[in-house]
Each structure stands twice: as C-alpha cells, then as structure tokens.
Amino acid sequence: MKHFYIITNEQKDEGLKVTRKMYEYIFKRGGTCGYAPNRSPGSLGFDPEVIPKDTECVFCVGGDGTLIRAARDVVGRQFPVLGVNRGHIGYLCELDENNVFSAIDQLMAGTYTLEERMLLRGFWESKGEKHSPHLALNDIVIHRSGLLQVLNLIIYVNGEYLNTYSADGIIIATPTGSTAYSMSAGGPIVDPKAKLILITPISPHALNSKSIVLGAEDEVVVEIGSRRVEEDEEAEVSFDGDLSFRVAVGDRIVIRRARENMRFLRLSRLSFLEILRKKMQEYAR
C-alpha cells in the first residue's frame, strides 16, 4: 500500500499538526498523500471526488464523529477508512498520535485486514411525499424536540405491527452503533461485524420496554403517533447525530439495511472484547 489520503477535523487537530506530520512521513517513506478538511467551505460535508482514484487508505483524523461523517461521504467510492483519534474515547478510531507512524509502516508492508460494516438507509414519508434517503453508520434516532413531551412511536417490522412506545424517542442502530447512543440508552453491545438491527427506546414510560434485536434484512417503520387532540407534538429524525430533520404526527420513517457496506482497515490483532474493555477502562478514569 502506497497511496493515502487524510480527511481531518481542523478543530480536533489544531494547526493540522498531526495531519502534516503524517503527510510528510508518508512521502519520506515513498508513498503519496493528499489531505483536506472534513467539511468543505460552505458545505455540511466533504467532497469525495477530490480523493484520487488510486487511493488505498483514507485516514480520518479527529474522533468518532469525524470518522462517521467521512465514512458516509466516501462509501460510494469504496475507499477503506482508518481513524486517528484526537477526541476523547474514540471507539471507532484504532490509532492515535503515538502509534500512527508505525501504523503507516504496517500498511505499507501490507499487514492489515479489511472489515466490512453494515449501514442503514432511511427516509421519511410525510403526507404521501417521500423525502430523500440518508445513510447512517451508527444509528437513526427519532426523538422529541421543542417542549418536554413524550412521543407515541408506533413500530412496524416487515409490515407487521410490533409495539407502541411512549418514550422520549427511539434508536434504530447498527452493530457499529451499539457502543454509541444505543448503549447509553441501555441497549446491548454487539460485535460490530455482526449483521443485525437494534431497536432501543429512549427513556420509555414503561417498565417492560426493552431493546429488540432484528435481522439485518428486516424493514423497520416508525410512525409518529398522536397523544394530544391538537396533534402538535414536535419530533426530529437524526442520522448519526449529524443530519437532523423535523417530522410531525402521521409521518413515517422507513429504515432498511443499506446496499452499501463501509470498509474499515484493521491493524490490531486485539479482539472486539479486548478493545471494548480497554476503551471502557479509559472512560472510567
């Protein structure tokens, strides 16, 4: 492997200190490299078309949020990604400033593995109109907004009614997202290589409301139900906590497994459980 690209969060990597060191190191080792900020001027995202076609690895310098946004941006071009953590915990970022240069050597020597992760694709229907779909690597969350009020969330799986949750919201997560918001809401932690969909209510107003695990090929529909005569409940649907859109009573959010998979580069031989234990110990400090 010789051809690299770096997508960097300028707020996490102040002055591009780490990015420039990586860039220079790669060229000294005989490789090629380019870099750019993770948010293009005047845009919410990164333009993947600036990445050369022969790129073999895209480094994402920042934190889990930087990696997630970059993953969504480049998934159509199937570039493998590898995170360099400059944030706090960084469940998804395997590297940091201390080991990134040895990792570059390892990549150039060809000692790595490719790991594919599933994504979710969701869109919402409002008054018969279908809005554009969006991808999520971690989760799609339907949550209350505006006044502090409970939502009625009606869940269907493959067209069959499942349950109605009275809750602050609901999380539809991938295995990768099981260590994110879903975990904070009491959902199970699963191996990110698994193929399944998690449904986890947020602060449910019932003692028996638990997370539900579905098959990866199931379709989940969340309908915003009414609790008030005025039907003025306010809610939002968020994709990876980054893209957010307002939805109303009667709207339906349709969620399926995406056709695309995200490609992650793995260098460590540590198991998922070992990595999880290490991250949890860091968080507890």
C-alpha atoms as a PDB file:
ATOM      1  CA  MET A   1       0.000   0.000   0.000  1.00  0.00           C
ATOM      2  CA  LYS A   2       1.432   3.370  -1.066  1.00  0.00           C
ATOM      3  CA  HIS A   3      -1.396   5.795  -1.824  1.00  0.00           C
ATOM      4  CA  PHE A   4      -3.102   7.594   1.056  1.00  0.00           C
ATOM      5  CA  TYR A   5      -5.464  10.465   1.747  1.00  0.00           C
ATOM      6  CA  ILE A   6      -6.204  12.281   5.018  1.00  0.00           C
ATOM      7  CA  ILE A   7      -9.557  13.788   5.979  1.00  0.00           C
ATOM      8  CA  THR A   8      -9.007  15.913   9.062  1.00  0.00           C
ATOM      9  CA  ASN A   9     -11.098  17.744  11.616  1.00  0.00           C
ATOM     10  CA  GLU A  10      -9.357  21.090  11.959  1.00  0.00           C
ATOM     11  CA  GLN A  11     -10.948  21.704  15.363  1.00  0.00           C
ATOM     12  CA  LYS A  12      -9.517  18.469  16.777  1.00  0.00           C
ATOM     13  CA  ASP A  13      -6.145  18.701  15.002  1.00  0.00           C
ATOM     14  CA  GLU A  14      -5.255  22.313  15.687  1.00  0.00           C
ATOM     15  CA  GLY A  15      -2.921  23.792  13.110  1.00  0.00           C
ATOM     16  CA  LEU A  16      -3.040  20.425  11.292  1.00  0.00           C
ATOM     17  CA  LYS A  17      -0.121  19.338  13.474  1.00  0.00           C
ATOM     18  CA  VAL A  18      -0.733  15.587  13.256  1.00  0.00           C
ATOM     19  CA  THR A  19      -2.008  15.721   9.671  1.00  0.00           C
ATOM     20  CA  ARG A  20       1.128  17.416   8.358  1.00  0.00           C
ATOM     21  CA  LYS A  21       3.412  15.031  10.251  1.00  0.00           C
ATOM     22  CA  MET A  22       1.593  12.079   8.679  1.00  0.00           C
ATOM     23  CA  TYR A  23       1.711  13.701   5.241  1.00  0.00           C
ATOM     24  CA  GLU A  24       5.471  14.282   5.456  1.00  0.00           C
ATOM     25  CA  TYR A  25       6.155  10.817   6.864  1.00  0.00           C
ATOM     26  CA  ILE A  26       4.280   9.101   4.045  1.00  0.00           C
ATOM     27  CA  PHE A  27       6.260  10.967   1.395  1.00  0.00           C
ATOM     28  CA  LYS A  28       9.545  10.181   3.148  1.00  0.00           C
ATOM     29  CA  ARG A  29       8.598   6.505   3.015  1.00  0.00           C
ATOM     30  CA  GLY A  30       7.995   6.706  -0.737  1.00  0.00           C
ATOM     31  CA  GLY A  31       4.210   6.987  -0.698  1.00  0.00           C
ATOM     32  CA  THR A  32       1.762   9.583  -1.968  1.00  0.00           C
ATOM     33  CA  CYS A  33      -0.710  11.533   0.106  1.00  0.00           C
ATOM     34  CA  GLY A  34      -3.179  14.384  -0.007  1.00  0.00           C
ATOM     35  CA  TYR A  35      -5.308  15.942   2.703  1.00  0.00           C
ATOM     36  CA  ALA A  36      -8.331  18.186   3.179  1.00  0.00           C
ATOM     37  CA  PRO A  37     -10.661  19.350   5.986  1.00  0.00           C
ATOM     38  CA  ASN A  38     -13.672  17.154   6.690  1.00  0.00           C
ATOM     39  CA  ARG A  39     -16.108  19.947   5.908  1.00  0.00           C
ATOM     40  CA  SER A  40     -15.781  21.736   2.583  1.00  0.00           C
ATOM     41  CA  PRO A  41     -16.262  25.538   2.673  1.00  0.00           C
ATOM     42  CA  GLY A  42     -19.970  26.408   2.515  1.00  0.00           C
ATOM     43  CA  SER A  43     -20.964  22.745   2.786  1.00  0.00           C
ATOM     44  CA  LEU A  44     -22.050  20.329   5.510  1.00  0.00           C
ATOM     45  CA  GLY A  45     -19.890  17.532   4.164  1.00  0.00           C
ATOM     46  CA  PHE A  46     -16.730  16.521   2.380  1.00  0.00           C
ATOM     47  CA  ASP A  47     -16.489  16.182  -1.400  1.00  0.00           C
ATOM     48  CA  PRO A  48     -15.176  12.642  -2.032  1.00  0.00           C
ATOM     49  CA  GLU A  49     -14.428  13.454  -5.667  1.00  0.00           C
ATOM     50  CA  VAL A  50     -11.229  15.252  -4.603  1.00  0.00           C
ATOM     51  CA  ILE A  51      -9.727  11.920  -3.489  1.00  0.00           C
ATOM     52  CA  PRO A  52      -7.549  10.346  -6.227  1.00  0.00           C
ATOM     53  CA  LYS A  53      -8.887   7.107  -7.704  1.00  0.00           C
ATOM     54  CA  ASP A  54      -5.791   5.105  -6.764  1.00  0.00           C
ATOM     55  CA  THR A  55      -6.120   5.900  -3.027  1.00  0.00           C
ATOM     56  CA  GLU A  56      -5.803   2.732  -0.951  1.00  0.00           C
ATOM     57  CA  CYS A  57      -6.442   4.127   2.531  1.00  0.00           C
ATOM     58  CA  VAL A  58      -8.298   7.170   3.851  1.00  0.00           C
ATOM     59  CA  PHE A  59      -7.136   8.319   7.280  1.00  0.00           C
ATOM     60  CA  CYS A  60      -9.716  10.235   9.321  1.00  0.00           C
ATOM     61  CA  VAL A  61      -8.024  12.469  11.894  1.00  0.00           C
ATOM     62  CA  GLY A  62     -10.337  13.683  14.646  1.00  0.00           C
ATOM     63  CA  GLY A  63     -12.712  11.496  16.618  1.00  0.00           C
ATOM     64  CA  ASP A  64     -15.561   9.077  16.061  1.00  0.00           C
ATOM     65  CA  GLY A  65     -17.736  11.865  14.633  1.00  0.00           C
ATOM     66  CA  THR A  66     -15.094  12.726  12.044  1.00  0.00           C
ATOM     67  CA  LEU A  67     -14.770   9.071  11.073  1.00  0.00           C
ATOM     68  CA  ILE A  68     -18.531   8.563  10.804  1.00  0.00           C
ATOM     69  CA  ARG A  69     -19.013  11.613   8.574  1.00  0.00           C
ATOM     70  CA  ALA A  70     -16.086  10.637   6.362  1.00  0.00           C
ATOM     71  CA  ALA A  71     -17.355   7.059   6.133  1.00  0.00           C
ATOM     72  CA  ARG A  72     -20.718   8.268   4.832  1.00  0.00           C
ATOM     73  CA  ASP A  73     -19.056  10.668   2.408  1.00  0.00           C
ATOM     74  CA  VAL A  74     -16.706   8.134   0.802  1.00  0.00           C
ATOM     75  CA  VAL A  75     -18.824   4.961   0.959  1.00  0.00           C
ATOM     76  CA  GLY A  76     -19.894   5.348  -2.674  1.00  0.00           C
ATOM     77  CA  ARG A  77     -16.269   5.154  -3.798  1.00  0.00           C
ATOM     78  CA  GLN A  78     -15.465   2.200  -1.521  1.00  0.00           C
ATOM     79  CA  PHE A  79     -12.274   3.622  -0.005  1.00  0.00           C
ATOM     80  CA  PRO A  80     -11.203   1.786   3.173  1.00  0.00           C
ATOM     81  CA  VAL A  81     -11.010   4.117   6.181  1.00  0.00           C
ATOM     82  CA  LEU A  82      -8.903   4.172   9.343  1.00  0.00           C
ATOM     83  CA  GLY A  83      -9.452   6.528  12.272  1.00  0.00           C
ATOM     84  CA  VAL A  84      -6.796   8.523  14.136  1.00  0.00           C
ATOM     85  CA  ASN A  85      -8.270   9.637  17.446  1.00  0.00           C
ATOM     86  CA  ARG A  86      -7.874  13.236  18.564  1.00  0.00           C
ATOM     87  CA  GLY A  87     -11.063  13.205  20.626  1.00  0.00           C
ATOM     88  CA  HIS A  88     -11.994  11.614  23.944  1.00  0.00           C
ATOM     89  CA  ILE A  89     -12.836   7.888  23.815  1.00  0.00           C
ATOM     90  CA  GLY A  90     -12.877   7.039  20.127  1.00  0.00           C
ATOM     91  CA  TYR A  91     -14.499   3.600  19.997  1.00  0.00           C
ATOM     92  CA  LEU A  92     -14.153   3.543  16.221  1.00  0.00           C
ATOM     93  CA  CYS A  93     -10.673   5.065  15.943  1.00  0.00           C
ATOM     94  CA  GLU A  94      -7.970   2.437  16.210  1.00  0.00           C
ATOM     95  CA  LEU A  95      -4.991   4.831  16.107  1.00  0.00           C
ATOM     96  CA  ASP A  96      -3.720   7.885  17.955  1.00  0.00           C
ATOM     97  CA  GLU A  97      -0.747  10.232  17.593  1.00  0.00           C
ATOM     98  CA  ASN A  98       1.548   7.793  19.383  1.00  0.00           C
ATOM     99  CA  ASN A  99       1.108   4.820  17.059  1.00  0.00           C
ATOM    100  CA  VAL A 100       0.032   6.348  13.724  1.00  0.00           C
ATOM    101  CA  PHE A 101       3.539   6.287  12.194  1.00  0.00           C
ATOM    102  CA  SER A 102       4.149   2.627  12.993  1.00  0.00           C
ATOM    103  CA  ALA A 103       0.690   2.017  11.536  1.00  0.00           C
ATOM    104  CA  ILE A 104       1.739   3.685   8.273  1.00  0.00           C
ATOM    105  CA  ASP A 105       4.737   1.335   8.144  1.00  0.00           C
ATOM    106  CA  GLN A 106       2.423  -1.601   8.740  1.00  0.00           C
ATOM    107  CA  LEU A 107       0.058  -0.530   5.982  1.00  0.00           C
ATOM    108  CA  MET A 108       2.923  -0.070   3.536  1.00  0.00           C
ATOM    109  CA  ALA A 109       4.141  -3.568   4.408  1.00  0.00           C
ATOM    110  CA  GLY A 110       0.675  -4.952   3.631  1.00  0.00           C
ATOM    111  CA  THR A 111      -0.002  -6.324   7.115  1.00  0.00           C
ATOM    112  CA  TYR A 112      -3.625  -5.366   7.655  1.00  0.00           C
ATOM    113  CA  THR A 113      -7.132  -6.775   7.316  1.00  0.00           C
ATOM    114  CA  LEU A 114     -10.299  -5.373   5.782  1.00  0.00           C
ATOM    115  CA  GLU A 115     -13.506  -5.403   7.810  1.00  0.00           C
ATOM    116  CA  GLU A 116     -16.906  -4.591   6.339  1.00  0.00           C
ATOM    117  CA  ARG A 117     -19.613  -2.929   8.428  1.00  0.00           C
ATOM    118  CA  MET A 118     -23.279  -2.599   7.536  1.00  0.00           C
ATOM    119  CA  LEU A 119     -25.026   0.778   7.248  1.00  0.00           C
ATOM    120  CA  LEU A 120     -28.647   1.840   7.500  1.00  0.00           C
ATOM    121  CA  ARG A 121     -30.583   3.772   4.885  1.00  0.00           C
ATOM    122  CA  GLY A 122     -33.621   5.723   5.992  1.00  0.00           C
ATOM    123  CA  PHE A 123     -36.181   8.107   4.544  1.00  0.00           C
ATOM    124  CA  TRP A 124     -39.429   9.561   5.811  1.00  0.00           C
ATOM    125  CA  GLU A 125     -42.871   9.904   4.311  1.00  0.00           C
ATOM    126  CA  SER A 126     -44.957  12.989   5.025  1.00  0.00           C
ATOM    127  CA  LYS A 127     -48.466  13.421   3.600  1.00  0.00           C
ATOM    128  CA  GLY A 128     -47.724  10.936   0.840  1.00  0.00           C
ATOM    129  CA  GLU A 129     -44.415  12.535  -0.108  1.00  0.00           C
ATOM    130  CA  LYS A 130     -41.167  10.555   0.149  1.00  0.00           C
ATOM    131  CA  HIS A 131     -38.119  12.564   1.177  1.00  0.00           C
ATOM    132  CA  SER A 132     -34.580  11.791   0.040  1.00  0.00           C
ATOM    133  CA  PRO A 133     -32.884   8.860   1.828  1.00  0.00           C
ATOM    134  CA  HIS A 134     -29.809   9.256   4.018  1.00  0.00           C
ATOM    135  CA  LEU A 135     -27.188   6.809   5.286  1.00  0.00           C
ATOM    136  CA  ALA A 136     -26.169   6.107   8.876  1.00  0.00           C
ATOM    137  CA  LEU A 137     -23.186   4.127  10.126  1.00  0.00           C
ATOM    138  CA  ASN A 138     -24.177   4.280  13.808  1.00  0.00           C
ATOM    139  CA  ASP A 139     -27.877   4.967  14.140  1.00  0.00           C
ATOM    140  CA  ILE A 140     -31.059   6.677  13.055  1.00  0.00           C
ATOM    141  CA  VAL A 141     -32.778   8.338  16.009  1.00  0.00           C
ATOM    142  CA  ILE A 142     -36.323   9.659  16.234  1.00  0.00           C
ATOM    143  CA  HIS A 143     -36.548  11.959  19.256  1.00  0.00           C
ATOM    144  CA  ARG A 144     -38.693  14.676  20.731  1.00  0.00           C
ATOM    145  CA  SER A 145     -37.990  18.354  20.161  1.00  0.00           C
ATOM    146  CA  GLY A 146     -39.474  21.582  21.418  1.00  0.00           C
ATOM    147  CA  LEU A 147     -41.493  21.157  24.631  1.00  0.00           C
ATOM    148  CA  LEU A 148     -40.669  18.393  27.118  1.00  0.00           C
ATOM    149  CA  GLN A 149     -43.296  15.935  25.972  1.00  0.00           C
ATOM    150  CA  VAL A 150     -43.489  12.198  25.471  1.00  0.00           C
ATOM    151  CA  LEU A 151     -43.836  10.776  21.969  1.00  0.00           C
ATOM    152  CA  ASN A 152     -46.037   7.915  20.854  1.00  0.00           C
ATOM    153  CA  LEU A 153     -43.879   5.869  18.477  1.00  0.00           C
ATOM    154  CA  ILE A 154     -45.654   3.084  16.575  1.00  0.00           C
ATOM    155  CA  ILE A 155     -43.257   0.400  15.330  1.00  0.00           C
ATOM    156  CA  TYR A 156     -43.828  -1.938  12.389  1.00  0.00           C
ATOM    157  CA  VAL A 157     -41.419  -4.662  11.248  1.00  0.00           C
ATOM    158  CA  ASN A 158     -41.842  -6.010   7.715  1.00  0.00           C
ATOM    159  CA  GLY A 159     -45.326  -4.504   7.633  1.00  0.00           C
ATOM    160  CA  GLU A 160     -46.413  -6.170  10.886  1.00  0.00           C
ATOM    161  CA  TYR A 161     -47.266  -4.117  13.964  1.00  0.00           C
ATOM    162  CA  LEU A 162     -44.703  -4.679  16.736  1.00  0.00           C
ATOM    163  CA  ASN A 163     -45.278  -2.223  19.570  1.00  0.00           C
ATOM    164  CA  THR A 164     -46.125   1.347  20.524  1.00  0.00           C
ATOM    165  CA  TYR A 165     -43.537   3.037  22.700  1.00  0.00           C
ATOM    166  CA  SER A 166     -44.358   6.036  24.870  1.00  0.00           C
ATOM    167  CA  ALA A 167     -40.873   7.445  25.198  1.00  0.00           C
ATOM    168  CA  ASP A 168     -38.583  10.404  24.617  1.00  0.00           C
ATOM    169  CA  GLY A 169     -37.525   8.750  21.380  1.00  0.00           C
ATOM    170  CA  ILE A 170     -36.249   5.571  19.781  1.00  0.00           C
ATOM    171  CA  ILE A 171     -32.871   4.480  18.388  1.00  0.00           C
ATOM    172  CA  ILE A 172     -32.509   2.227  15.360  1.00  0.00           C
ATOM    173  CA  ALA A 173     -28.844   1.194  15.438  1.00  0.00           C
ATOM    174  CA  THR A 174     -26.317  -0.902  13.550  1.00  0.00           C
ATOM    175  CA  PRO A 175     -23.866  -3.190  15.366  1.00  0.00           C
ATOM    176  CA  THR A 176     -21.257  -0.439  14.960  1.00  0.00           C
ATOM    177  CA  GLY A 177     -23.658   1.947  16.707  1.00  0.00           C
ATOM    178  CA  SER A 178     -24.263  -0.425  19.610  1.00  0.00           C
ATOM    179  CA  THR A 179     -21.462   1.289  21.582  1.00  0.00           C
ATOM    180  CA  ALA A 180     -22.868   4.772  20.895  1.00  0.00           C
ATOM    181  CA  TYR A 181     -26.238   6.298  21.871  1.00  0.00           C
ATOM    182  CA  SER A 182     -27.923   2.890  21.990  1.00  0.00           C
ATOM    183  CA  MET A 183     -25.539   1.750  24.741  1.00  0.00           C
ATOM    184  CA  SER A 184     -26.194   4.939  26.722  1.00  0.00           C
ATOM    185  CA  ALA A 185     -29.931   4.223  26.500  1.00  0.00           C
ATOM    186  CA  GLY A 186     -29.446   0.701  27.893  1.00  0.00           C
ATOM    187  CA  GLY A 187     -29.139  -1.217  24.638  1.00  0.00           C
ATOM    188  CA  PRO A 188     -26.933  -4.296  24.205  1.00  0.00           C
ATOM    189  CA  ILE A 189     -23.331  -4.166  22.984  1.00  0.00           C
ATOM    190  CA  VAL A 190     -22.732  -6.402  19.969  1.00  0.00           C
ATOM    191  CA  ASP A 191     -19.760  -7.217  17.782  1.00  0.00           C
ATOM    192  CA  PRO A 192     -19.557  -4.562  15.026  1.00  0.00           C
ATOM    193  CA  LYS A 193     -19.006  -7.281  12.399  1.00  0.00           C
ATOM    194  CA  ALA A 194     -22.441  -8.728  13.140  1.00  0.00           C
ATOM    195  CA  LYS A 195     -25.330  -8.209  10.732  1.00  0.00           C
ATOM    196  CA  LEU A 196     -28.416  -7.097  12.653  1.00  0.00           C
ATOM    197  CA  ILE A 197     -30.574  -4.107  13.588  1.00  0.00           C
ATOM    198  CA  LEU A 198     -31.151  -2.875  17.148  1.00  0.00           C
ATOM    199  CA  ILE A 199     -34.270  -1.059  18.363  1.00  0.00           C
ATOM    200  CA  THR A 200     -33.766   0.743  21.687  1.00  0.00           C
ATOM    201  CA  PRO A 201     -36.310   3.126  23.266  1.00  0.00           C
ATOM    202  CA  ILE A 202     -35.072   6.327  24.923  1.00  0.00           C
ATOM    203  CA  SER A 203     -36.430   6.821  28.466  1.00  0.00           C
ATOM    204  CA  PRO A 204     -39.539   4.670  27.859  1.00  0.00           C
ATOM    205  CA  HIS A 205     -42.518   5.269  30.132  1.00  0.00           C
ATOM    206  CA  ALA A 206     -42.997   1.556  30.846  1.00  0.00           C
ATOM    207  CA  LEU A 207     -41.066  -0.911  32.970  1.00  0.00           C
ATOM    208  CA  ASN A 208     -41.108  -3.679  30.344  1.00  0.00           C
ATOM    209  CA  SER A 209     -39.742  -1.684  27.392  1.00  0.00           C
ATOM    210  CA  LYS A 210     -36.544  -3.433  26.342  1.00  0.00           C
ATOM    211  CA  SER A 211     -34.278  -3.348  23.326  1.00  0.00           C
ATOM    212  CA  ILE A 212     -35.204  -5.623  20.434  1.00  0.00           C
ATOM    213  CA  VAL A 213     -32.719  -7.277  18.067  1.00  0.00           C
ATOM    214  CA  LEU A 214     -33.837  -7.893  14.470  1.00  0.00           C
ATOM    215  CA  GLY A 215     -32.325  -9.485  11.408  1.00  0.00           C
ATOM    216  CA  ALA A 216     -30.286  -7.292   9.078  1.00  0.00           C
ATOM    217  CA  GLU A 217     -32.763  -7.712   6.215  1.00  0.00           C
ATOM    218  CA  ASP A 218     -35.819  -6.601   8.192  1.00  0.00           C
ATOM    219  CA  GLU A 219     -37.561  -3.327   7.408  1.00  0.00           C
ATOM    220  CA  VAL A 220     -38.437  -1.068  10.333  1.00  0.00           C
ATOM    221  CA  VAL A 221     -41.100   1.629  10.080  1.00  0.00           C
ATOM    222  CA  VAL A 222     -41.571   4.178  12.857  1.00  0.00           C
ATOM    223  CA  GLU A 223     -44.789   6.181  12.751  1.00  0.00           C
ATOM    224  CA  ILE A 224     -45.199   9.341  14.836  1.00  0.00           C
ATOM    225  CA  GLY A 225     -48.435   8.749  16.730  1.00  0.00           C
ATOM    226  CA  SER A 226     -50.633  11.310  18.421  1.00  0.00           C
ATOM    227  CA  ARG A 227     -51.021  11.790  22.181  1.00  0.00           C
ATOM    228  CA  ARG A 228     -52.887  15.106  22.087  1.00  0.00           C
ATOM    229  CA  VAL A 229     -56.052  16.269  20.386  1.00  0.00           C
ATOM    230  CA  GLU A 230     -54.106  19.105  18.774  1.00  0.00           C
ATOM    231  CA  GLU A 231     -51.623  16.628  17.227  1.00  0.00           C
ATOM    232  CA  ASP A 232     -48.906  19.261  17.699  1.00  0.00           C
ATOM    233  CA  GLU A 233     -46.165  17.023  19.048  1.00  0.00           C
ATOM    234  CA  GLU A 234     -42.742  18.005  17.725  1.00  0.00           C
ATOM    235  CA  ALA A 235     -40.110  15.428  16.772  1.00  0.00           C
ATOM    236  CA  GLU A 236     -36.924  15.109  14.752  1.00  0.00           C
ATOM    237  CA  VAL A 237     -35.175  12.298  12.915  1.00  0.00           C
ATOM    238  CA  SER A 238     -31.372  12.333  13.110  1.00  0.00           C
ATOM    239  CA  PHE A 239     -28.827  10.368  11.090  1.00  0.00           C
ATOM    240  CA  ASP A 240     -25.679   9.636  13.120  1.00  0.00           C
ATOM    241  CA  GLY A 241     -26.485  12.681  15.249  1.00  0.00           C
ATOM    242  CA  ASP A 242     -25.294  14.866  12.385  1.00  0.00           C
ATOM    243  CA  LEU A 243     -28.119  15.348   9.884  1.00  0.00           C
ATOM    244  CA  SER A 244     -31.430  16.256  11.515  1.00  0.00           C
ATOM    245  CA  PHE A 245     -34.906  16.849  10.060  1.00  0.00           C
ATOM    246  CA  ARG A 246     -38.245  17.858  11.580  1.00  0.00           C
ATOM    247  CA  VAL A 247     -41.100  15.324  11.440  1.00  0.00           C
ATOM    248  CA  ALA A 248     -44.728  15.575  12.569  1.00  0.00           C
ATOM    249  CA  VAL A 249     -47.635  13.411  13.731  1.00  0.00           C
ATOM    250  CA  GLY A 250     -48.568  10.952  10.995  1.00  0.00           C
ATOM    251  CA  ASP A 251     -45.123  10.931   9.378  1.00  0.00           C
ATOM    252  CA  ARG A 252     -43.446   7.554   8.883  1.00  0.00           C
ATOM    253  CA  ILE A 253     -39.710   6.864   8.932  1.00  0.00           C
ATOM    254  CA  VAL A 254     -38.724   3.819   6.858  1.00  0.00           C
ATOM    255  CA  ILE A 255     -35.406   2.169   7.733  1.00  0.00           C
ATOM    256  CA  ARG A 256     -33.626  -0.691   5.974  1.00  0.00           C
ATOM    257  CA  ARG A 257     -30.126  -2.045   5.664  1.00  0.00           C
ATOM    258  CA  ALA A 258     -28.212  -0.055   3.058  1.00  0.00           C
ATOM    259  CA  ARG A 259     -26.974  -1.750  -0.099  1.00  0.00           C
ATOM    260  CA  GLU A 260     -23.514  -0.314   0.566  1.00  0.00           C
ATOM    261  CA  ASN A 261     -21.086  -1.576   3.203  1.00  0.00           C
ATOM    262  CA  MET A 262     -18.433   0.521   4.924  1.00  0.00           C
ATOM    263  CA  ARG A 263     -14.868  -0.788   4.631  1.00  0.00           C
ATOM    264  CA  PHE A 264     -12.655  -0.418   7.700  1.00  0.00           C
ATOM    265  CA  LEU A 265      -8.951  -1.173   7.823  1.00  0.00           C
ATOM    266  CA  ARG A 266      -7.857  -3.132  10.890  1.00  0.00           C
ATOM    267  CA  LEU A 267      -4.273  -3.335  12.143  1.00  0.00           C
ATOM    268  CA  SER A 268      -4.656  -4.541  15.703  1.00  0.00           C
ATOM    269  CA  ARG A 269      -4.984  -8.240  16.484  1.00  0.00           C
ATOM    270  CA  LEU A 270      -6.963  -7.424  19.618  1.00  0.00           C
ATOM    271  CA  SER A 271     -10.454  -8.905  19.694  1.00  0.00           C
ATOM    272  CA  PHE A 272     -13.540  -6.712  19.875  1.00  0.00           C
ATOM    273  CA  LEU A 273     -13.951  -7.603  23.553  1.00  0.00           C
ATOM    274  CA  GLU A 274     -10.372  -6.644  24.374  1.00  0.00           C
ATOM    275  CA  ILE A 275     -10.769  -3.307  22.587  1.00  0.00           C
ATOM    276  CA  LEU A 276     -14.083  -2.696  24.353  1.00  0.00           C
ATOM    277  CA  ARG A 277     -12.592  -3.453  27.759  1.00  0.00           C
ATOM    278  CA  LYS A 278      -9.683  -1.086  27.109  1.00  0.00           C
ATOM    279  CA  LYS A 279     -11.972   1.743  25.970  1.00  0.00           C
ATOM    280  CA  MET A 280     -14.266   1.295  28.970  1.00  0.00           C
ATOM    281  CA  GLN A 281     -11.300   1.462  31.342  1.00  0.00           C
ATOM    282  CA  GLU A 282     -10.130   4.683  29.675  1.00  0.00           C
ATOM    283  CA  TYR A 283     -13.602   6.175  30.015  1.00  0.00           C
ATOM    284  CA  ALA A 284     -13.774   5.285  33.731  1.00  0.00           C
ATOM    285  CA  ARG A 285     -10.636   7.290  34.569  1.00  0.00           C
END
